[in-house]
């Protein structure tokens, strides 16, 4: 097997991201399993496709207990999380037990959060099966669930012991989910990697066609970008906040639409275009760079505009975002393609105009 390893350098908690095709094997899994009890958390869509492969890889050396959850962002809540904890308690799992997250970002976030809080923390492994999870949510240790009034409002930092990104799992991913994953891939180019962005501009068609070499390069380069940022700022005190480009807008879209009609990547794509337009209004970003930003998302089949949501409602949801401080909306904005920064002190009108809020509306200061 041709396996690429990207290490997330966190001292004694250093862990590998293993990337390759057909790597869901005993060799990649068992060396990171700590005890003899394993809980595999997955969902009703992924289980028929890949659960048997995990069982085969774990072999006879572990007592494996499955927890199969309903599929969808709307199930990412405390009530459904309880099912993972019940599985752990019912099977007398202890601090030497291991959780394996087999699925997309929702499963990874929920399984990781359950591992973070069960007996004050047990090991877990990420086995992401969507492009979005392979390039973003499986790396970095952010875990959690949604609250009805905000996305990912309840959670913890809890790093996995390993990430196993088997590109073969993308064979069973539908086209819409693939496109949604490309949103997070494009994000890395926009915030800190202009050469990667330029490669993506030239390679969107190859990625949508699922050309193996293009997909693998996109996954590897995305993971290298995220691993470097996480190693420098694990708890999002500074540089890691750049990974939230478009997310304050996107999370508001997801919350307003009830986590059903828009996928996370779709909402984030629209959110990044909104951030680019606000950047242009503030004279931070050139018109050409804004147009290129919108064009790449359009070429990837992703939305560049939000759904019809009242601007004041959007603003209220953004004010309640967990990245806000003292009621002030902090935005990740762009100075150029490949250069982003967190901005707190900006002219409120730029945001109001993007949200379509009339001049006489009462809005919080930016």
Protein backbone atom coordinates (compact mmCIF):
# COMPACT_ATOMS: atom_id res chain seq x y z
CA UNK A 1 0.00 0.00 0.00
CA UNK A 2 1.12 3.51 -0.81
CA UNK A 3 0.49 5.43 2.40
CA UNK A 4 1.36 9.06 3.05
CA UNK A 5 1.68 10.13 6.68
CA UNK A 6 1.20 13.70 7.84
CA UNK A 7 2.01 14.21 11.52
CA UNK A 8 0.16 16.61 13.79
CA UNK A 9 2.99 17.79 16.03
CA UNK A 10 1.59 18.17 19.55
CA UNK A 11 4.50 16.96 21.66
CA UNK A 12 3.61 13.84 23.63
CA UNK A 13 0.17 13.83 21.96
CA UNK A 14 1.60 13.78 18.44
CA UNK A 15 -0.46 11.67 16.06
CA UNK A 16 -0.40 10.65 12.39
CA UNK A 17 -2.85 11.31 9.59
CA UNK A 18 -2.54 8.29 7.30
CA UNK A 19 -3.70 8.86 3.74
CA UNK A 20 -3.99 6.18 1.07
CA UNK A 21 -6.28 3.84 -0.79
CA UNK A 22 -7.37 0.56 0.79
CA UNK A 23 -5.71 1.28 4.15
CA UNK A 24 -8.56 0.22 6.46
CA UNK A 25 -6.53 -2.76 7.62
CA UNK A 26 -5.26 -4.24 10.84
CA UNK A 27 -1.90 -2.59 10.24
CA UNK A 28 -3.40 0.88 10.31
CA UNK A 29 -5.88 0.34 13.13
CA UNK A 30 -4.65 -2.02 15.81
CA UNK A 31 -1.42 -0.24 16.73
CA UNK A 32 -3.55 2.67 17.98
CA UNK A 33 -6.09 0.57 19.93
CA UNK A 34 -5.30 0.80 23.61
CA UNK A 35 -7.48 -1.80 25.39
CA UNK A 36 -9.53 -4.82 24.41
CA UNK A 37 -12.90 -3.04 24.14
CA UNK A 38 -13.77 -0.91 21.11
CA UNK A 39 -16.90 1.10 20.37
CA UNK A 40 -17.40 1.79 16.67
CA UNK A 41 -19.65 4.81 16.20
CA UNK A 42 -21.13 5.16 12.73
CA UNK A 43 -24.44 5.99 11.05
CA UNK A 44 -27.14 4.18 9.13
CA UNK A 45 -25.68 5.21 5.76
CA UNK A 46 -22.05 4.29 6.38
CA UNK A 47 -22.60 1.10 8.40
CA UNK A 48 -23.73 -1.12 5.48
CA UNK A 49 -20.79 0.10 3.40
CA UNK A 50 -17.77 0.06 5.72
CA UNK A 51 -18.58 -1.42 9.13
CA UNK A 52 -17.65 -4.97 8.12
CA UNK A 53 -14.26 -3.69 6.95
CA UNK A 54 -13.60 -2.23 10.40
CA UNK A 55 -14.63 -5.50 12.05
CA UNK A 56 -12.27 -7.44 9.81
CA UNK A 57 -9.42 -5.06 10.54
CA UNK A 58 -9.91 -5.29 14.29
CA UNK A 59 -9.94 -9.09 14.09
CA UNK A 60 -10.36 -11.30 17.13
CA UNK A 61 -8.20 -9.30 19.52
CA UNK A 62 -10.88 -6.81 20.53
CA UNK A 63 -14.42 -6.93 21.84
CA UNK A 64 -16.19 -4.65 19.38
CA UNK A 65 -19.49 -2.94 20.14
CA UNK A 66 -21.30 -0.98 17.46
CA UNK A 67 -23.30 2.20 17.94
CA UNK A 68 -25.21 3.05 14.76
CA UNK A 69 -26.77 6.51 14.79
CA UNK A 70 -29.23 8.19 12.44
CA UNK A 71 -27.63 10.11 9.58
CA UNK A 72 -27.75 13.88 9.39
CA UNK A 73 -26.66 17.15 11.00
CA UNK A 74 -30.04 17.51 12.71
CA UNK A 75 -29.16 14.49 14.88
CA UNK A 76 -25.97 16.11 16.18
CA UNK A 77 -27.37 16.84 19.62
CA UNK A 78 -27.15 15.80 23.25
CA UNK A 79 -30.07 13.39 23.00
CA UNK A 80 -28.44 11.30 20.27
CA UNK A 81 -25.01 11.65 21.93
CA UNK A 82 -26.50 9.82 24.92
CA UNK A 83 -26.74 6.66 22.80
CA UNK A 84 -22.95 6.53 22.49
CA UNK A 85 -22.51 6.94 26.22
CA UNK A 86 -25.16 4.28 26.88
CA UNK A 87 -23.26 1.86 24.63
CA UNK A 88 -20.07 2.50 26.62
CA UNK A 89 -21.78 2.02 30.00
CA UNK A 90 -23.80 -1.03 28.91
CA UNK A 91 -20.64 -2.78 27.74
CA UNK A 92 -18.60 -1.80 30.81
CA UNK A 93 -16.05 0.16 28.87
CA UNK A 94 -13.23 1.58 30.96
CA UNK A 95 -10.47 4.15 30.47
CA UNK A 96 -8.50 1.66 28.37
CA UNK A 97 -11.33 1.33 25.87
CA UNK A 98 -11.19 3.04 22.47
CA UNK A 99 -13.83 4.79 20.39
CA UNK A 100 -13.59 4.55 16.60
CA UNK A 101 -15.43 7.26 14.65
CA UNK A 102 -16.44 5.82 11.28
CA UNK A 103 -18.22 8.39 9.15
CA UNK A 104 -18.34 12.04 8.22
CA UNK A 105 -17.97 15.17 10.27
CA UNK A 106 -21.10 14.67 12.37
CA UNK A 107 -20.01 11.21 13.49
CA UNK A 108 -16.43 12.35 14.10
CA UNK A 109 -17.55 15.31 16.21
CA UNK A 110 -20.04 13.28 18.25
CA UNK A 111 -17.86 10.22 18.78
CA UNK A 112 -14.92 12.42 19.73
CA UNK A 113 -17.04 14.37 22.22
CA UNK A 114 -18.34 11.15 23.77
CA UNK A 115 -14.75 9.96 24.10
CA UNK A 116 -13.77 13.30 25.66
CA UNK A 117 -16.39 13.13 28.41
CA UNK A 118 -16.75 9.39 29.10
CA UNK A 119 -14.88 8.70 32.34
CA UNK A 120 -13.25 12.12 31.81
CA UNK A 121 -11.59 11.05 28.59
CA UNK A 122 -10.78 7.86 26.67
CA UNK A 123 -8.84 7.38 23.41
CA UNK A 124 -10.48 7.62 20.02
CA UNK A 125 -9.58 7.17 16.37
CA UNK A 126 -10.93 9.06 13.39
CA UNK A 127 -11.83 7.04 10.28
CA UNK A 128 -13.39 9.74 8.06
CA UNK A 129 -15.46 8.58 5.10
CA UNK A 130 -16.33 11.93 3.48
CA UNK A 131 -14.03 14.38 1.74
CA UNK A 132 -14.99 17.15 4.16
CA UNK A 133 -14.10 14.99 7.15
CA UNK A 134 -10.84 13.77 5.61
CA UNK A 135 -9.56 17.28 4.94
CA UNK A 136 -10.96 19.14 7.93
CA UNK A 137 -13.16 17.90 10.76
CA UNK A 138 -11.21 14.72 11.56
CA UNK A 139 -8.01 16.69 12.18
CA UNK A 140 -7.40 18.97 15.14
CA UNK A 141 -9.43 17.61 18.04
CA UNK A 142 -12.53 19.81 17.87
CA UNK A 143 -15.48 17.72 19.06
CA UNK A 144 -19.02 18.57 20.04
CA UNK A 145 -22.73 18.80 19.31
CA UNK A 146 -25.11 21.51 18.24
CA UNK A 147 -27.50 23.53 20.38
CA UNK A 148 -30.87 24.58 18.89
CA UNK A 149 -29.63 28.20 18.88
CA UNK A 150 -26.13 27.60 17.57
CA UNK A 151 -23.83 25.13 15.85
CA UNK A 152 -21.13 23.33 17.88
CA UNK A 153 -21.98 25.31 21.02
CA UNK A 154 -21.34 22.30 23.30
CA UNK A 155 -18.02 20.51 22.97
CA UNK A 156 -14.41 19.96 23.96
CA UNK A 157 -10.93 19.76 22.49
CA UNK A 158 -9.94 16.08 22.43
CA UNK A 159 -7.27 14.94 19.99
CA UNK A 160 -7.56 11.56 18.25
CA UNK A 161 -4.77 9.01 18.47
CA UNK A 162 -4.79 8.61 14.71
CA UNK A 163 -6.66 9.69 11.58
CA UNK A 164 -7.05 7.07 8.84
CA UNK A 165 -8.16 8.71 5.59
CA UNK A 166 -8.85 5.84 3.19
CA UNK A 167 -9.60 7.44 -0.16
CA UNK A 168 -11.49 4.29 -1.22
CA UNK A 169 -14.35 5.38 1.05
CA UNK A 170 -14.95 8.32 -1.29
CA UNK A 171 -16.07 5.84 -3.97
CA UNK A 172 -19.39 5.54 -2.11
CA UNK A 173 -19.78 9.28 -1.53
CA UNK A 174 -22.48 10.98 -3.58
CA UNK A 175 -21.63 13.93 -5.81
CA UNK A 176 -23.30 16.53 -3.61
CA UNK A 177 -21.28 15.46 -0.58
CA UNK A 178 -18.09 15.48 -2.65
CA UNK A 179 -18.75 19.05 -3.77
CA UNK A 180 -19.48 20.06 -0.19
CA UNK A 181 -16.10 18.67 0.86
CA UNK A 182 -14.36 20.77 -1.77
CA UNK A 183 -15.49 23.90 0.10
CA UNK A 184 -13.11 23.13 2.95
CA UNK A 185 -10.34 22.20 0.50
CA UNK A 186 -10.66 25.59 -1.22
CA UNK A 187 -10.60 27.30 2.17
CA UNK A 188 -6.96 26.33 2.75
CA UNK A 189 -5.93 28.04 -0.45
CA UNK A 190 -7.84 31.18 0.44
CA UNK A 191 -6.47 31.59 3.96
CA UNK A 192 -2.81 30.66 3.64
CA UNK A 193 -1.76 28.78 0.51
CA UNK A 194 -2.02 30.74 -2.74
CA UNK A 195 -0.12 28.13 -4.83
CA UNK A 196 -2.61 25.50 -3.68
CA UNK A 197 -5.49 27.80 -4.62
CA UNK A 198 -4.04 28.27 -8.09
CA UNK A 199 -3.64 24.49 -8.44
CA UNK A 200 -7.28 24.09 -7.39
CA UNK A 201 -8.43 26.61 -10.01
CA UNK A 202 -6.79 24.43 -12.65
CA UNK A 203 -7.95 21.13 -11.11
CA UNK A 204 -11.61 21.58 -10.19
CA UNK A 205 -12.77 19.44 -13.13
CA UNK A 206 -10.35 16.65 -12.21
CA UNK A 207 -11.55 16.71 -8.61
CA UNK A 208 -15.22 16.59 -9.61
CA UNK A 209 -14.36 13.69 -11.92
CA UNK A 210 -12.78 11.95 -8.90
CA UNK A 211 -9.41 11.50 -10.55
CA UNK A 212 -7.43 9.60 -7.89
CA UNK A 213 -4.19 11.58 -8.14
CA UNK A 214 -6.01 14.92 -7.92
CA UNK A 215 -8.11 13.85 -4.94
CA UNK A 216 -5.13 12.48 -3.11
CA UNK A 217 -3.10 15.64 -3.63
CA UNK A 218 -6.02 17.78 -2.46
CA UNK A 219 -6.41 15.69 0.71
CA UNK A 220 -2.68 15.61 1.48
CA UNK A 221 -2.16 19.33 0.97
CA UNK A 222 -5.25 20.22 2.98
CA UNK A 223 -4.10 18.01 5.85
CA UNK A 224 -0.61 19.51 5.76
CA UNK A 225 -2.10 22.99 6.00
CA UNK A 226 -4.39 22.10 8.86
CA UNK A 227 -1.77 20.08 10.75
CA UNK A 228 0.62 23.04 10.70
CA UNK A 229 -2.04 25.44 11.98
CA UNK A 230 -3.22 23.08 14.74
CA UNK A 231 0.35 22.42 15.88
CA UNK A 232 0.95 26.16 16.18
CA UNK A 233 -2.36 26.98 17.91
CA UNK A 234 -4.18 23.93 19.26
CA UNK A 235 -6.82 25.78 21.28
CA UNK A 236 -7.63 28.54 18.77
CA UNK A 237 -6.10 31.45 20.61
CA UNK A 238 -4.65 33.01 17.49
CA UNK A 239 -3.80 31.54 14.07
CA UNK A 240 -6.24 28.62 14.17
CA UNK A 241 -9.12 31.10 14.00
CA UNK A 242 -8.25 31.56 10.32
CA UNK A 243 -9.79 28.14 9.70
CA UNK A 244 -13.14 29.81 10.40
CA UNK A 245 -13.14 31.80 7.16
CA UNK A 246 -16.81 31.99 6.16
CA UNK A 247 -17.92 29.92 9.12
CA UNK A 248 -19.63 32.70 11.09
CA UNK A 249 -21.85 33.29 8.06
CA UNK A 250 -22.13 29.58 7.26
CA UNK A 251 -23.06 28.45 10.75
CA UNK A 252 -25.82 31.09 10.81
CA UNK A 253 -27.13 29.70 7.51
CA UNK A 254 -27.13 26.15 8.90
CA UNK A 255 -28.91 27.19 12.09
CA UNK A 256 -31.49 29.29 10.23
CA UNK A 257 -32.28 26.42 7.84
CA UNK A 258 -32.58 23.85 10.63
CA UNK A 259 -29.52 21.78 9.63
CA UNK A 260 -31.55 20.09 6.91
CA UNK A 261 -31.70 21.80 3.50
CA UNK A 262 -28.06 22.99 3.32
CA UNK A 263 -25.00 20.81 3.84
CA UNK A 264 -22.19 22.23 5.97
CA UNK A 265 -19.87 22.64 3.00
CA UNK A 266 -22.57 24.41 0.98
CA UNK A 267 -23.23 26.88 3.79
CA UNK A 268 -19.50 27.49 4.29
CA UNK A 269 -18.99 28.06 0.56
CA UNK A 270 -21.65 30.77 0.56
CA UNK A 271 -20.16 32.11 3.80
CA UNK A 272 -16.67 32.41 2.30
CA UNK A 273 -18.07 34.32 -0.67
CA UNK A 274 -19.90 36.61 1.76
CA UNK A 275 -16.65 37.15 3.67
CA UNK A 276 -14.88 37.96 0.39
CA UNK A 277 -17.53 40.53 -0.50
CA UNK A 278 -17.32 42.16 2.94
CA UNK A 279 -13.52 42.24 2.52
CA UNK A 280 -13.95 43.99 -0.81
CA UNK A 281 -16.40 46.51 0.70
CA UNK A 282 -13.77 47.30 3.36
CA UNK A 283 -11.14 47.86 0.63
CA UNK A 284 -9.11 44.94 1.95
CA UNK A 285 -9.59 42.67 -1.09
CA UNK A 286 -9.40 43.53 -4.76
CA UNK A 287 -12.37 43.04 -7.04
CA UNK A 288 -10.38 40.53 -9.08
CA UNK A 289 -9.63 38.41 -6.00
CA UNK A 290 -13.28 38.51 -4.96
CA UNK A 291 -14.35 37.42 -8.42
CA UNK A 292 -11.84 34.56 -8.43
CA UNK A 293 -13.11 33.47 -5.02
CA UNK A 294 -16.71 33.34 -6.24
CA UNK A 295 -15.67 31.72 -9.52
CA UNK A 296 -13.92 28.74 -7.94
CA UNK A 297 -16.89 27.93 -5.75
CA UNK A 298 -19.19 28.27 -8.74
CA UNK A 299 -16.95 25.96 -10.77
CA UNK A 300 -17.13 23.41 -7.96
CA UNK A 301 -20.94 23.49 -8.10
CA UNK A 302 -21.25 25.25 -4.76
CA UNK A 303 -23.46 28.21 -3.83
CA UNK A 304 -21.98 31.69 -3.78
CA UNK A 305 -25.04 33.35 -2.23
CA UNK A 306 -26.93 32.50 0.97
CA UNK A 307 -30.55 31.33 0.98
CA UNK A 308 -33.24 33.99 1.51
CA UNK A 309 -32.85 34.67 5.24
CA UNK A 310 -33.84 37.95 6.86
CA UNK A 311 -30.68 40.01 7.38
CA UNK A 312 -31.46 40.97 10.95
CA UNK A 313 -32.07 37.33 11.82
CA UNK A 314 -28.73 36.40 10.25
CA UNK A 315 -27.07 39.15 12.26
CA UNK A 316 -28.62 37.89 15.48
CA UNK A 317 -27.41 34.36 14.83
CA UNK A 318 -23.93 35.64 14.01
CA UNK A 319 -23.84 37.67 17.23
CA UNK A 320 -24.55 34.45 19.15
CA UNK A 321 -21.76 32.57 17.38
CA UNK A 322 -19.23 31.06 19.78
CA UNK A 323 -16.44 33.07 18.15
CA UNK A 324 -18.10 36.38 19.08
CA UNK A 325 -16.66 38.36 21.99
CA UNK A 326 -18.78 40.57 24.26
CA UNK A 327 -21.53 40.51 21.63
CA UNK A 328 -19.15 41.74 18.92
CA UNK A 329 -18.98 39.72 15.72
CA UNK A 330 -15.41 38.75 14.85
CA UNK A 331 -14.93 37.95 11.19
CA UNK A 332 -12.18 36.20 9.32
CA UNK A 333 -11.62 38.42 6.28
CA UNK A 334 -9.23 38.36 3.33
CA UNK A 335 -6.42 40.72 2.37
CA UNK A 336 -5.62 38.65 -0.71
CA UNK A 337 -5.93 35.11 -1.99
CA UNK A 338 -3.74 33.17 0.42
CA UNK A 339 -3.82 35.83 3.16
CA UNK A 340 -6.57 36.11 5.78
CA UNK A 341 -6.86 37.59 9.26
CA UNK A 342 -9.34 37.99 12.11
CA UNK A 343 -10.94 41.43 12.18
CA UNK A 344 -12.92 42.88 15.09
CA UNK A 345 -12.81 46.61 14.37
CA UNK A 346 -14.52 47.16 11.03
CA UNK A 347 -17.19 49.49 9.64
CA UNK A 348 -20.55 47.87 10.47
CA UNK A 349 -22.06 49.09 7.21
CA UNK A 350 -19.96 46.63 5.20
CA UNK A 351 -21.57 43.73 7.04
CA UNK A 352 -25.04 45.29 7.03
CA UNK A 353 -24.88 45.83 3.28
CA UNK A 354 -23.86 42.20 2.70
CA UNK A 355 -26.77 40.99 4.85
CA UNK A 356 -29.21 43.39 3.20
CA UNK A 357 -30.07 45.22 6.42
CA UNK A 358 -31.71 48.63 5.83
CA UNK A 359 -29.85 51.72 7.05
CA UNK A 360 -32.34 52.55 9.81
CA UNK A 361 -32.26 49.13 11.49
CA UNK A 362 -30.83 48.83 14.99
CA UNK A 363 -27.82 46.56 14.84
CA UNK A 364 -24.92 45.87 17.22
CA UNK A 365 -21.69 47.65 16.51
CA UNK A 366 -19.10 45.70 14.53
